[in-house]
Structure formats: C-alpha cells, structure tokens
PDB file of all heavy atoms in Angstrom:
ATOM      1  N   GLY A   1       4.841   4.717  17.273  1.00  0.00           N
ATOM      2  CA  GLY A   1       4.545   3.613  16.366  1.00  0.00           C
ATOM      3  C   GLY A   1       3.733   4.086  15.190  1.00  0.00           C
ATOM      4  O   GLY A   1       3.232   5.210  15.180  1.00  0.00           O
ATOM      5  N   ALA A   2       3.599   3.240  14.186  1.00  0.00           N
ATOM      6  CA  ALA A   2       2.846   3.584  12.988  1.00  0.00           C
ATOM      7  C   ALA A   2       2.299   2.330  12.340  1.00  0.00           C
ATOM      8  O   ALA A   2       2.771   1.214  12.598  1.00  0.00           O
ATOM      9  CB  ALA A   2       3.721   4.349  12.005  1.00  0.00           C
ATOM     10  N   ILE A   3       1.296   2.541  11.503  1.00  0.00           N
ATOM     11  CA  ILE A   3       0.683   1.437  10.774  1.00  0.00           C
ATOM     12  C   ILE A   3       0.518   1.859   9.333  1.00  0.00           C
ATOM     13  O   ILE A   3       0.143   2.996   9.043  1.00  0.00           O
ATOM     14  CB  ILE A   3      -0.670   1.052  11.424  1.00  0.00           C
ATOM     15  CG1 ILE A   3      -1.263  -0.192  10.783  1.00  0.00           C
ATOM     16  CG2 ILE A   3      -1.655   2.205  11.407  1.00  0.00           C
ATOM     17  CD1 ILE A   3      -2.415  -0.791  11.577  1.00  0.00           C
ATOM     18  N   SER A   4       0.814   0.938   8.420  1.00  0.00           N
ATOM     19  CA  SER A   4       0.747   1.253   7.004  1.00  0.00           C
ATOM     20  C   SER A   4      -0.695   1.380   6.544  1.00  0.00           C
ATOM     21  O   SER A   4      -1.637   0.963   7.224  1.00  0.00           O
ATOM     22  CB  SER A   4       1.459   0.178   6.190  1.00  0.00           C
ATOM     23  OG  SER A   4       0.795  -1.088   6.345  1.00  0.00           O
ATOM     24  N   ARG A   5      -0.848   1.924   5.356  1.00  0.00           N
ATOM     25  CA  ARG A   5      -2.176   2.159   4.804  1.00  0.00           C
ATOM     26  C   ARG A   5      -2.970   0.857   4.678  1.00  0.00           C
ATOM     27  O   ARG A   5      -4.169   0.819   4.913  1.00  0.00           O
ATOM     28  CB  ARG A   5      -2.038   2.815   3.434  1.00  0.00           C
ATOM     29  CG  ARG A   5      -3.303   3.450   2.925  1.00  0.00           C
ATOM     30  CD  ARG A   5      -3.105   3.938   1.516  1.00  0.00           C
ATOM     31  NE  ARG A   5      -1.972   4.816   1.357  1.00  0.00           N
ATOM     32  CZ  ARG A   5      -1.620   5.347   0.195  1.00  0.00           C
ATOM     33  NH1 ARG A   5      -2.307   5.086  -0.896  1.00  0.00           N
ATOM     34  NH2 ARG A   5      -0.574   6.151   0.112  1.00  0.00           N
ATOM     35  N   ASN A   6      -2.308  -0.219   4.297  1.00  0.00           N
ATOM     36  CA  ASN A   6      -3.003  -1.493   4.096  1.00  0.00           C
ATOM     37  C   ASN A   6      -2.988  -2.380   5.336  1.00  0.00           C
ATOM     38  O   ASN A   6      -3.384  -3.540   5.279  1.00  0.00           O
ATOM     39  CB  ASN A   6      -2.392  -2.254   2.914  1.00  0.00           C
ATOM     40  CG  ASN A   6      -0.907  -2.514   3.099  1.00  0.00           C
ATOM     41  OD1 ASN A   6      -0.380  -2.345   4.188  1.00  0.00           O
ATOM     42  ND2 ASN A   6      -0.237  -2.920   2.032  1.00  0.00           N
ATOM     43  N   ASP A   7      -2.510  -1.856   6.453  1.00  0.00           N
ATOM     44  CA  ASP A   7      -2.469  -2.562   7.735  1.00  0.00           C
ATOM     45  C   ASP A   7      -1.504  -3.742   7.753  1.00  0.00           C
ATOM     46  O   ASP A   7      -1.464  -4.488   8.732  1.00  0.00           O
ATOM     47  CB  ASP A   7      -3.861  -3.068   8.147  1.00  0.00           C
ATOM     48  CG  ASP A   7      -4.821  -1.938   8.424  1.00  0.00           C
ATOM     49  OD1 ASP A   7      -4.397  -0.784   8.415  1.00  0.00           O
ATOM     50  OD2 ASP A   7      -6.018  -2.221   8.637  1.00  0.00           O
ATOM     51  N   LEU A   8      -0.717  -3.920   6.714  1.00  0.00           N
ATOM     52  CA  LEU A   8       0.176  -5.083   6.674  1.00  0.00           C
ATOM     53  C   LEU A   8       1.470  -4.847   7.439  1.00  0.00           C
ATOM     54  O   LEU A   8       2.166  -5.812   7.779  1.00  0.00           O
ATOM     55  CB  LEU A   8       0.499  -5.437   5.224  1.00  0.00           C
ATOM     56  CG  LEU A   8      -0.671  -5.975   4.404  1.00  0.00           C
ATOM     57  CD1 LEU A   8      -0.217  -6.299   2.992  1.00  0.00           C
ATOM     58  CD2 LEU A   8      -1.289  -7.206   5.061  1.00  0.00           C
ATOM     59  N   SER A   9       1.787  -3.588   7.685  1.00  0.00           N
ATOM     60  CA  SER A   9       3.043  -3.290   8.374  1.00  0.00           C
ATOM     61  C   SER A   9       2.812  -2.368   9.553  1.00  0.00           C
ATOM     62  O   SER A   9       2.002  -1.441   9.483  1.00  0.00           O
ATOM     63  CB  SER A   9       4.029  -2.621   7.411  1.00  0.00           C
ATOM     64  OG  SER A   9       4.361  -3.481   6.344  1.00  0.00           O
ATOM     65  N   THR A  10       3.518  -2.659  10.635  1.00  0.00           N
ATOM     66  CA  THR A  10       3.542  -1.765  11.793  1.00  0.00           C
ATOM     67  C   THR A  10       5.000  -1.581  12.213  1.00  0.00           C
ATOM     68  O   THR A  10       5.847  -2.455  11.980  1.00  0.00           O
ATOM     69  CB  THR A  10       2.730  -2.323  12.977  1.00  0.00           C
ATOM     70  OG1 THR A  10       3.182  -3.649  13.274  1.00  0.00           O
ATOM     71  CG2 THR A  10       1.244  -2.350  12.667  1.00  0.00           C
ATOM     72  N   TRP A  11       5.265  -0.461  12.793  1.00  0.00           N
ATOM     73  CA  TRP A  11       6.599  -0.148  13.284  1.00  0.00           C
ATOM     74  C   TRP A  11       6.453   0.457  14.688  1.00  0.00           C
ATOM     75  O   TRP A  11       5.494   1.188  14.949  1.00  0.00           O
ATOM     76  CB  TRP A  11       7.292   0.871  12.379  1.00  0.00           C
ATOM     77  CG  TRP A  11       7.427   0.436  10.961  1.00  0.00           C
ATOM     78  CD1 TRP A  11       8.456  -0.265  10.403  1.00  0.00           C
ATOM     79  CD2 TRP A  11       6.492   0.683   9.905  1.00  0.00           C
ATOM     80  NE1 TRP A  11       8.225  -0.460   9.062  1.00  0.00           N
ATOM     81  CE2 TRP A  11       7.027   0.103   8.726  1.00  0.00           C
ATOM     82  CE3 TRP A  11       5.264   1.331   9.822  1.00  0.00           C
ATOM     83  CZ2 TRP A  11       6.375   0.158   7.497  1.00  0.00           C
ATOM     84  CZ3 TRP A  11       4.607   1.387   8.603  1.00  0.00           C
ATOM     85  CH2 TRP A  11       5.168   0.809   7.455  1.00  0.00           C
ATOM     86  N   TYR A  12       7.413   0.183  15.546  1.00  0.00           N
ATOM     87  CA  TYR A  12       7.360   0.677  16.914  1.00  0.00           C
ATOM     88  C   TYR A  12       8.734   1.167  17.354  1.00  0.00           C
ATOM     89  O   TYR A  12       9.781   0.657  16.942  1.00  0.00           O
ATOM     90  CB  TYR A  12       6.906  -0.428  17.885  1.00  0.00           C
ATOM     91  CG  TYR A  12       5.505  -0.909  17.637  1.00  0.00           C
ATOM     92  CD1 TYR A  12       5.275  -2.033  16.831  1.00  0.00           C
ATOM     93  CD2 TYR A  12       4.414  -0.262  18.199  1.00  0.00           C
ATOM     94  CE1 TYR A  12       3.978  -2.478  16.600  1.00  0.00           C
ATOM     95  CE2 TYR A  12       3.117  -0.708  17.964  1.00  0.00           C
ATOM     96  CZ  TYR A  12       2.908  -1.813  17.165  1.00  0.00           C
ATOM     97  OH  TYR A  12       1.630  -2.252  16.930  1.00  0.00           O
ATOM     98  N   GLU A  13       8.700   2.150  18.215  1.00  0.00           N
ATOM     99  CA  GLU A  13       9.916   2.593  18.874  1.00  0.00           C
ATOM    100  C   GLU A  13      10.348   1.494  19.832  1.00  0.00           C
ATOM    101  O   GLU A  13       9.503   0.792  20.417  1.00  0.00           O
ATOM    102  CB  GLU A  13       9.627   3.900  19.609  1.00  0.00           C
ATOM    103  CG  GLU A  13      10.849   4.681  20.010  1.00  0.00           C
ATOM    104  CD  GLU A  13      11.360   4.331  21.378  1.00  0.00           C
ATOM    105  OE1 GLU A  13      10.534   3.920  22.222  1.00  0.00           O
ATOM    106  OE2 GLU A  13      12.568   4.471  21.624  1.00  0.00           O
ATOM    107  N   ASP A  14      11.633   1.302  19.993  1.00  0.00           N
ATOM    108  CA  ASP A  14      12.146   0.165  20.759  1.00  0.00           C
ATOM    109  C   ASP A  14      11.599   0.080  22.180  1.00  0.00           C
ATOM    110  O   ASP A  14      11.325  -1.011  22.684  1.00  0.00           O
ATOM    111  CB  ASP A  14      13.676   0.212  20.804  1.00  0.00           C
ATOM    112  CG  ASP A  14      14.312  -0.201  19.494  1.00  0.00           C
ATOM    113  OD1 ASP A  14      13.597  -0.736  18.629  1.00  0.00           O
ATOM    114  OD2 ASP A  14      15.525   0.033  19.335  1.00  0.00           O
ATOM    115  N   SER A  15      11.437   1.220  22.823  1.00  0.00           N
ATOM    116  CA  SER A  15      11.044   1.190  24.232  1.00  0.00           C
ATOM    117  C   SER A  15       9.599   0.765  24.454  1.00  0.00           C
ATOM    118  O   SER A  15       9.219   0.418  25.573  1.00  0.00           O
ATOM    119  CB  SER A  15      11.266   2.562  24.868  1.00  0.00           C
ATOM    120  OG  SER A  15      10.364   3.508  24.340  1.00  0.00           O
ATOM    121  N   VAL A  16       8.789   0.752  23.392  1.00  0.00           N
ATOM    122  CA  VAL A  16       7.393   0.334  23.544  1.00  0.00           C
ATOM    123  C   VAL A  16       7.120  -1.001  22.883  1.00  0.00           C
ATOM    124  O   VAL A  16       6.024  -1.554  23.019  1.00  0.00           O
ATOM    125  CB  VAL A  16       6.428   1.402  22.980  1.00  0.00           C
ATOM    126  CG1 VAL A  16       6.737   2.776  23.574  1.00  0.00           C
ATOM    127  CG2 VAL A  16       6.459   1.445  21.456  1.00  0.00           C
ATOM    128  N   LEU A  17       8.098  -1.519  22.170  1.00  0.00           N
ATOM    129  CA  LEU A  17       7.915  -2.785  21.464  1.00  0.00           C
ATOM    130  C   LEU A  17       7.549  -3.887  22.445  1.00  0.00           C
ATOM    131  O   LEU A  17       8.213  -4.068  23.463  1.00  0.00           O
ATOM    132  CB  LEU A  17       9.200  -3.122  20.716  1.00  0.00           C
ATOM    133  CG  LEU A  17       9.150  -4.264  19.714  1.00  0.00           C
ATOM    134  CD1 LEU A  17       8.184  -3.939  18.590  1.00  0.00           C
ATOM    135  CD2 LEU A  17      10.538  -4.552  19.159  1.00  0.00           C
ATOM    136  N   GLY A  18       6.483  -4.598  22.132  1.00  0.00           N
ATOM    137  CA  GLY A  18       6.011  -5.662  23.009  1.00  0.00           C
ATOM    138  C   GLY A  18       5.032  -5.200  24.066  1.00  0.00           C
ATOM    139  O   GLY A  18       4.361  -6.022  24.699  1.00  0.00           O
ATOM    140  N   ARG A  19       4.927  -3.893  24.274  1.00  0.00           N
ATOM    141  CA  ARG A  19       3.985  -3.347  25.256  1.00  0.00           C
ATOM    142  C   ARG A  19       2.845  -2.596  24.587  1.00  0.00           C
ATOM    143  O   ARG A  19       1.721  -2.619  25.084  1.00  0.00           O
ATOM    144  CB  ARG A  19       4.714  -2.414  26.222  1.00  0.00           C
ATOM    145  CG  ARG A  19       5.832  -3.055  27.017  1.00  0.00           C
ATOM    146  CD  ARG A  19       6.352  -2.119  28.101  1.00  0.00           C
ATOM    147  NE  ARG A  19       6.945  -0.895  27.539  1.00  0.00           N
ATOM    148  CZ  ARG A  19       6.529   0.338  27.858  1.00  0.00           C
ATOM    149  NH1 ARG A  19       5.533   0.516  28.706  1.00  0.00           N
ATOM    150  NH2 ARG A  19       7.136   1.389  27.320  1.00  0.00           N
ATOM    151  N   PHE A  20       3.111  -1.933  23.486  1.00  0.00           N
ATOM    152  CA  PHE A  20       2.119  -1.126  22.788  1.00  0.00           C
ATOM    153  C   PHE A  20       1.727  -1.821  21.482  1.00  0.00           C
ATOM    154  O   PHE A  20       2.568  -2.439  20.821  1.00  0.00           O
ATOM    155  CB  PHE A  20       2.662   0.263  22.453  1.00  0.00           C
ATOM    156  CG  PHE A  20       2.879   1.166  23.644  1.00  0.00           C
ATOM    157  CD1 PHE A  20       2.803   0.702  24.945  1.00  0.00           C
ATOM    158  CD2 PHE A  20       3.165   2.512  23.440  1.00  0.00           C
ATOM    159  CE1 PHE A  20       3.008   1.539  26.020  1.00  0.00           C
ATOM    160  CE2 PHE A  20       3.368   3.368  24.505  1.00  0.00           C
ATOM    161  CZ  PHE A  20       3.288   2.880  25.793  1.00  0.00           C
ATOM    162  N   THR A  21       0.463  -1.672  21.107  1.00  0.00           N
ATOM    163  CA  THR A  21      -0.032  -2.253  19.860  1.00  0.00           C
ATOM    164  C   THR A  21      -0.933  -1.256  19.151  1.00  0.00           C
ATOM    165  O   THR A  21      -1.850  -0.699  19.760  1.00  0.00           O
ATOM    166  CB  THR A  21      -0.828  -3.535  20.113  1.00  0.00           C
ATOM    167  OG1 THR A  21      -0.013  -4.469  20.828  1.00  0.00           O
ATOM    168  CG2 THR A  21      -1.261  -4.166  18.790  1.00  0.00           C
ATOM    169  N   ILE A  22      -0.650  -1.042  17.871  1.00  0.00           N
ATOM    170  CA  ILE A  22      -1.469  -0.152  17.046  1.00  0.00           C
ATOM    171  C   ILE A  22      -2.436  -0.990  16.224  1.00  0.00           C
ATOM    172  O   ILE A  22      -2.053  -2.012  15.645  1.00  0.00           O
ATOM    173  CB  ILE A  22      -0.592   0.682  16.116  1.00  0.00           C
ATOM    174  CG1 ILE A  22       0.257   1.657  16.926  1.00  0.00           C
ATOM    175  CG2 ILE A  22      -1.454   1.452  15.113  1.00  0.00           C
ATOM    176  CD1 ILE A  22       1.241   2.433  16.071  1.00  0.00           C
ATOM    177  N   SER A  23      -3.656  -0.528  16.144  1.00  0.00           N
ATOM    178  CA  SER A  23      -4.649  -1.166  15.296  1.00  0.00           C
ATOM    179  C   SER A  23      -5.616  -0.099  14.820  1.00  0.00           C
ATOM    180  O   SER A  23      -5.561   1.044  15.284  1.00  0.00           O
ATOM    181  CB  SER A  23      -5.405  -2.259  16.060  1.00  0.00           C
ATOM    182  OG  SER A  23      -6.124  -1.698  17.148  1.00  0.00           O
ATOM    183  N   ARG A  24      -6.485  -0.479  13.875  1.00  0.00           N
ATOM    184  CA  ARG A  24      -7.481   0.498  13.476  1.00  0.00           C
ATOM    185  C   ARG A  24      -8.724  -0.176  12.931  1.00  0.00           C
ATOM    186  O   ARG A  24      -8.692  -1.311  12.473  1.00  0.00           O
ATOM    187  CB  ARG A  24      -6.923   1.475  12.475  1.00  0.00           C
ATOM    188  CG  ARG A  24      -6.478   0.903  11.164  1.00  0.00           C
ATOM    189  CD  ARG A  24      -5.972   2.065  10.341  1.00  0.00           C
ATOM    190  NE  ARG A  24      -5.420   1.684   9.098  1.00  0.00           N
ATOM    191  CZ  ARG A  24      -4.814   2.545   8.291  1.00  0.00           C
ATOM    192  NH1 ARG A  24      -4.691   3.805   8.650  1.00  0.00           N
ATOM    193  NH2 ARG A  24      -4.344   2.144   7.156  1.00  0.00           N
ATOM    194  N   ASP A  25      -9.796   0.562  13.024  1.00  0.00           N
ATOM    195  CA  ASP A  25     -11.101   0.149  12.541  1.00  0.00           C
ATOM    196  C   ASP A  25     -11.489   1.134  11.455  1.00  0.00           C
ATOM    197  O   ASP A  25     -12.072   2.189  11.716  1.00  0.00           O
ATOM    198  CB  ASP A  25     -12.096   0.167  13.705  1.00  0.00           C
ATOM    199  CG  ASP A  25     -13.492  -0.238  13.299  1.00  0.00           C
ATOM    200  OD1 ASP A  25     -13.728  -0.446  12.091  1.00  0.00           O
ATOM    201  OD2 ASP A  25     -14.362  -0.331  14.180  1.00  0.00           O
ATOM    202  N   ASN A  26     -11.180   0.781  10.212  1.00  0.00           N
ATOM    203  CA  ASN A  26     -11.432   1.721   9.115  1.00  0.00           C
ATOM    204  C   ASN A  26     -12.919   1.987   8.929  1.00  0.00           C
ATOM    205  O   ASN A  26     -13.307   3.077   8.513  1.00  0.00           O
ATOM    206  CB  ASN A  26     -10.821   1.183   7.821  1.00  0.00           C
ATOM    207  CG  ASN A  26      -9.316   1.246   7.827  1.00  0.00           C
ATOM    208  OD1 ASN A  26      -8.713   2.021   8.573  1.00  0.00           O
ATOM    209  ND2 ASN A  26      -8.674   0.422   7.009  1.00  0.00           N
ATOM    210  N   ALA A  27     -13.746   1.009   9.230  1.00  0.00           N
ATOM    211  CA  ALA A  27     -15.189   1.189   9.058  1.00  0.00           C
ATOM    212  C   ALA A  27     -15.717   2.297   9.965  1.00  0.00           C
ATOM    213  O   ALA A  27     -16.707   2.961   9.639  1.00  0.00           O
ATOM    214  CB  ALA A  27     -15.909  -0.117   9.348  1.00  0.00           C
ATOM    215  N   ASN A  28     -15.047   2.473  11.116  1.00  0.00           N
ATOM    216  CA  ASN A  28     -15.459   3.505  12.051  1.00  0.00           C
ATOM    217  C   ASN A  28     -14.456   4.657  12.130  1.00  0.00           C
ATOM    218  O   ASN A  28     -14.521   5.479  13.039  1.00  0.00           O
ATOM    219  CB  ASN A  28     -15.665   2.899  13.446  1.00  0.00           C
ATOM    220  CG  ASN A  28     -16.890   2.013  13.490  1.00  0.00           C
ATOM    221  OD1 ASN A  28     -18.014   2.487  13.327  1.00  0.00           O
ATOM    222  ND2 ASN A  28     -16.688   0.713  13.686  1.00  0.00           N
ATOM    223  N   ASN A  29     -13.528   4.682  11.160  1.00  0.00           N
ATOM    224  CA  ASN A  29     -12.582   5.797  11.034  1.00  0.00           C
ATOM    225  C   ASN A  29     -11.810   6.075  12.315  1.00  0.00           C
ATOM    226  O   ASN A  29     -11.600   7.241  12.688  1.00  0.00           O
ATOM    227  CB  ASN A  29     -13.333   7.075  10.622  1.00  0.00           C
ATOM    228  CG  ASN A  29     -14.146   6.868   9.376  1.00  0.00           C
ATOM    229  OD1 ASN A  29     -13.647   6.380   8.383  1.00  0.00           O
ATOM    230  ND2 ASN A  29     -15.425   7.209   9.449  1.00  0.00           N
ATOM    231  N   THR A  30     -11.365   5.016  12.964  1.00  0.00           N
ATOM    232  CA  THR A  30     -10.686   5.175  14.235  1.00  0.00           C
ATOM    233  C   THR A  30      -9.436   4.310  14.300  1.00  0.00           C
ATOM    234  O   THR A  30      -9.448   3.161  13.862  1.00  0.00           O
ATOM    235  CB  THR A  30     -11.616   4.805  15.411  1.00  0.00           C
ATOM    236  OG1 THR A  30     -12.820   5.569  15.329  1.00  0.00           O
ATOM    237  CG2 THR A  30     -10.950   5.094  16.746  1.00  0.00           C
ATOM    238  N   MET A  31      -8.371   4.888  14.834  1.00  0.00           N
ATOM    239  CA  MET A  31      -7.139   4.159  15.094  1.00  0.00           C
ATOM    240  C   MET A  31      -6.955   4.053  16.605  1.00  0.00           C
ATOM    241  O   MET A  31      -7.412   4.928  17.345  1.00  0.00           O
ATOM    242  CB  MET A  31      -5.939   4.882  14.472  1.00  0.00           C
ATOM    243  CG  MET A  31      -4.613   4.212  14.756  1.00  0.00           C
ATOM    244  SD  MET A  31      -3.201   5.048  14.043  1.00  0.00           S
ATOM    245  CE  MET A  31      -3.210   6.622  14.903  1.00  0.00           C
ATOM    246  N   PHE A  32      -6.293   2.993  17.037  1.00  0.00           N
ATOM    247  CA  PHE A  32      -6.117   2.758  18.460  1.00  0.00           C
ATOM    248  C   PHE A  32      -4.649   2.547  18.801  1.00  0.00           C
ATOM    249  O   PHE A  32      -3.855   2.097  17.973  1.00  0.00           O
ATOM    250  CB  PHE A  32      -6.906   1.516  18.909  1.00  0.00           C
ATOM    251  CG  PHE A  32      -8.364   1.587  18.587  1.00  0.00           C
ATOM    252  CD1 PHE A  32      -8.869   0.942  17.455  1.00  0.00           C
ATOM    253  CD2 PHE A  32      -9.233   2.292  19.395  1.00  0.00           C
ATOM    254  CE1 PHE A  32     -10.219   1.002  17.148  1.00  0.00           C
ATOM    255  CE2 PHE A  32     -10.586   2.360  19.092  1.00  0.00           C
ATOM    256  CZ  PHE A  32     -11.075   1.718  17.962  1.00  0.00           C
ATOM    257  N   LEU A  33      -4.322   2.868  20.041  1.00  0.00           N
ATOM    258  CA  LEU A  33      -3.015   2.539  20.598  1.00  0.00           C
ATOM    259  C   LEU A  33      -3.274   1.865  21.940  1.00  0.00           C
ATOM    260  O   LEU A  33      -3.642   2.527  22.910  1.00  0.00           O
ATOM    261  CB  LEU A  33      -2.144   3.783  20.778  1.00  0.00           C
ATOM    262  CG  LEU A  33      -0.759   3.520  21.376  1.00  0.00           C
ATOM    263  CD1 LEU A  33       0.086   2.695  20.408  1.00  0.00           C
ATOM    264  CD2 LEU A  33      -0.053   4.836  21.690  1.00  0.00           C
ATOM    265  N   GLN A  34      -3.112   0.549  21.971  1.00  0.00           N
ATOM    266  CA  GLN A  34      -3.257  -0.199  23.210  1.00  0.00           C
ATOM    267  C   GLN A  34      -1.918  -0.169  23.932  1.00  0.00           C
ATOM    268  O   GLN A  34      -0.909  -0.618  23.372  1.00  0.00           O
ATOM    269  CB  GLN A  34      -3.677  -1.640  22.936  1.00  0.00           C
ATOM    270  CG  GLN A  34      -3.792  -2.507  24.179  1.00  0.00           C
ATOM    271  CD  GLN A  34      -4.914  -2.066  25.095  1.00  0.00           C
ATOM    272  OE1 GLN A  34      -6.022  -1.766  24.655  1.00  0.00           O
ATOM    273  NE2 GLN A  34      -4.638  -2.026  26.398  1.00  0.00           N
ATOM    274  N   MET A  35      -1.931   0.348  25.145  1.00  0.00           N
ATOM    275  CA  MET A  35      -0.691   0.500  25.914  1.00  0.00           C
ATOM    276  C   MET A  35      -0.790  -0.354  27.168  1.00  0.00           C
ATOM    277  O   MET A  35      -1.650  -0.118  28.021  1.00  0.00           O
ATOM    278  CB  MET A  35      -0.478   1.967  26.270  1.00  0.00           C
ATOM    279  CG  MET A  35      -0.471   2.900  25.075  1.00  0.00           C
ATOM    280  SD  MET A  35      -0.008   4.597  25.499  1.00  0.00           S
ATOM    281  CE  MET A  35      -1.343   5.044  26.590  1.00  0.00           C
ATOM    282  N   ASN A  36       0.083  -1.324  27.274  1.00  0.00           N
ATOM    283  CA  ASN A  36       0.122  -2.211  28.434  1.00  0.00           C
ATOM    284  C   ASN A  36       1.434  -2.045  29.181  1.00  0.00           C
ATOM    285  O   ASN A  36       2.404  -1.519  28.644  1.00  0.00           O
ATOM    286  CB  ASN A  36      -0.042  -3.665  27.991  1.00  0.00           C
ATOM    287  CG  ASN A  36      -1.360  -3.931  27.299  1.00  0.00           C
ATOM    288  OD1 ASN A  36      -2.396  -3.325  27.623  1.00  0.00           O
ATOM    289  ND2 ASN A  36      -1.354  -4.832  26.341  1.00  0.00           N
ATOM    290  N   THR A  37       1.436  -2.535  30.406  1.00  0.00           N
ATOM    291  CA  THR A  37       2.643  -2.485  31.255  1.00  0.00           C
ATOM    292  C   THR A  37       3.265  -1.088  31.223  1.00  0.00           C
ATOM    293  O   THR A  37       4.457  -0.901  30.951  1.00  0.00           O
ATOM    294  CB  THR A  37       3.675  -3.536  30.787  1.00  0.00           C
ATOM    295  OG1 THR A  37       3.014  -4.760  30.449  1.00  0.00           O
ATOM    296  CG2 THR A  37       4.677  -3.839  31.898  1.00  0.00           C
ATOM    297  N   LEU A  38       2.451  -0.106  31.496  1.00  0.00           N
ATOM    298  CA  LEU A  38       2.906   1.280  31.411  1.00  0.00           C
ATOM    299  C   LEU A  38       3.949   1.602  32.466  1.00  0.00           C
ATOM    300  O   LEU A  38       3.913   1.056  33.590  1.00  0.00           O
ATOM    301  CB  LEU A  38       1.713   2.227  31.521  1.00  0.00           C
ATOM    302  CG  LEU A  38       0.883   2.335  30.235  1.00  0.00           C
ATOM    303  CD1 LEU A  38      -0.496   2.881  30.523  1.00  0.00           C
ATOM    304  CD2 LEU A  38       1.615   3.182  29.212  1.00  0.00           C
ATOM    305  N   LYS A  39       4.864   2.466  32.088  1.00  0.00           N
ATOM    306  CA  LYS A  39       5.956   2.891  32.960  1.00  0.00           C
ATOM    307  C   LYS A  39       5.893   4.405  33.139  1.00  0.00           C
ATOM    308  O   LYS A  39       5.369   5.106  32.270  1.00  0.00           O
ATOM    309  CB  LYS A  39       7.294   2.509  32.325  1.00  0.00           C
ATOM    310  CG  LYS A  39       7.434   1.031  31.992  1.00  0.00           C
ATOM    311  CD  LYS A  39       8.738   0.775  31.260  1.00  0.00           C
ATOM    312  CE  LYS A  39       8.889  -0.698  30.897  1.00  0.00           C
ATOM    313  NZ  LYS A  39      10.161  -0.952  30.169  1.00  0.00           N
ATOM    314  N   PRO A  40       6.477   4.920  34.202  1.00  0.00           N
ATOM    315  CA  PRO A  40       6.484   6.389  34.385  1.00  0.00           C
ATOM    316  C   PRO A  40       7.083   7.128  33.192  1.00  0.00           C
ATOM    317  O   PRO A  40       6.639   8.235  32.860  1.00  0.00           O
ATOM    318  CB  PRO A  40       7.325   6.570  35.645  1.00  0.00           C
ATOM    319  CG  PRO A  40       7.113   5.316  36.424  1.00  0.00           C
ATOM    320  CD  PRO A  40       7.019   4.229  35.388  1.00  0.00           C
ATOM    321  N   GLU A  41       8.062   6.527  32.530  1.00  0.00           N
ATOM    322  CA  GLU A  41       8.684   7.184  31.374  1.00  0.00           C
ATOM    323  C   GLU A  41       7.766   7.237  30.160  1.00  0.00           C
ATOM    324  O   GLU A  41       8.111   7.855  29.156  1.00  0.00           O
ATOM    325  CB  GLU A  41      10.009   6.503  31.006  1.00  0.00           C
ATOM    326  CG  GLU A  41       9.938   5.006  30.853  1.00  0.00           C
ATOM    327  CD  GLU A  41      10.361   4.277  32.116  1.00  0.00           C
ATOM    328  OE1 GLU A  41       9.948   4.697  33.230  1.00  0.00           O
ATOM    329  OE2 GLU A  41      11.077   3.268  32.000  1.00  0.00           O
ATOM    330  N   ASP A  42       6.610   6.603  30.223  1.00  0.00           N
ATOM    331  CA  ASP A  42       5.617   6.718  29.151  1.00  0.00           C
ATOM    332  C   ASP A  42       4.753   7.968  29.310  1.00  0.00           C
ATOM    333  O   ASP A  42       3.938   8.276  28.427  1.00  0.00           O
ATOM    334  CB  ASP A  42       4.703   5.490  29.133  1.00  0.00           C
ATOM    335  CG  ASP A  42       5.444   4.211  28.771  1.00  0.00           C
ATOM    336  OD1 ASP A  42       6.286   4.256  27.861  1.00  0.00           O
ATOM    337  OD2 ASP A  42       5.168   3.173  29.406  1.00  0.00           O
TER     338      ASP A  42
END
C-alpha cells in the first residue's frame, strides 16, 4: 500500500484491501501500517 504526500490518497494491493490501513503522523515523522485479520500468506 501507499499514501500520497498530502494524505488525500491511499492505494492498496487487492489482497490486503479492507484489512490493512496506512496512516502517518507527520509531526512525529512516522508512518504506520495497521494490519488486521492477518493470514499466513501475509
């Protein structure tokens, strides 16, 4: 997945869509990948 510079757009690979979420905290210079409902293929 990816997130645009202005945070207005995100894109995800089909197999993680709805399970993974990208976000970031620019004030703390950190990006996150929240992964839910994990599968062995992850």
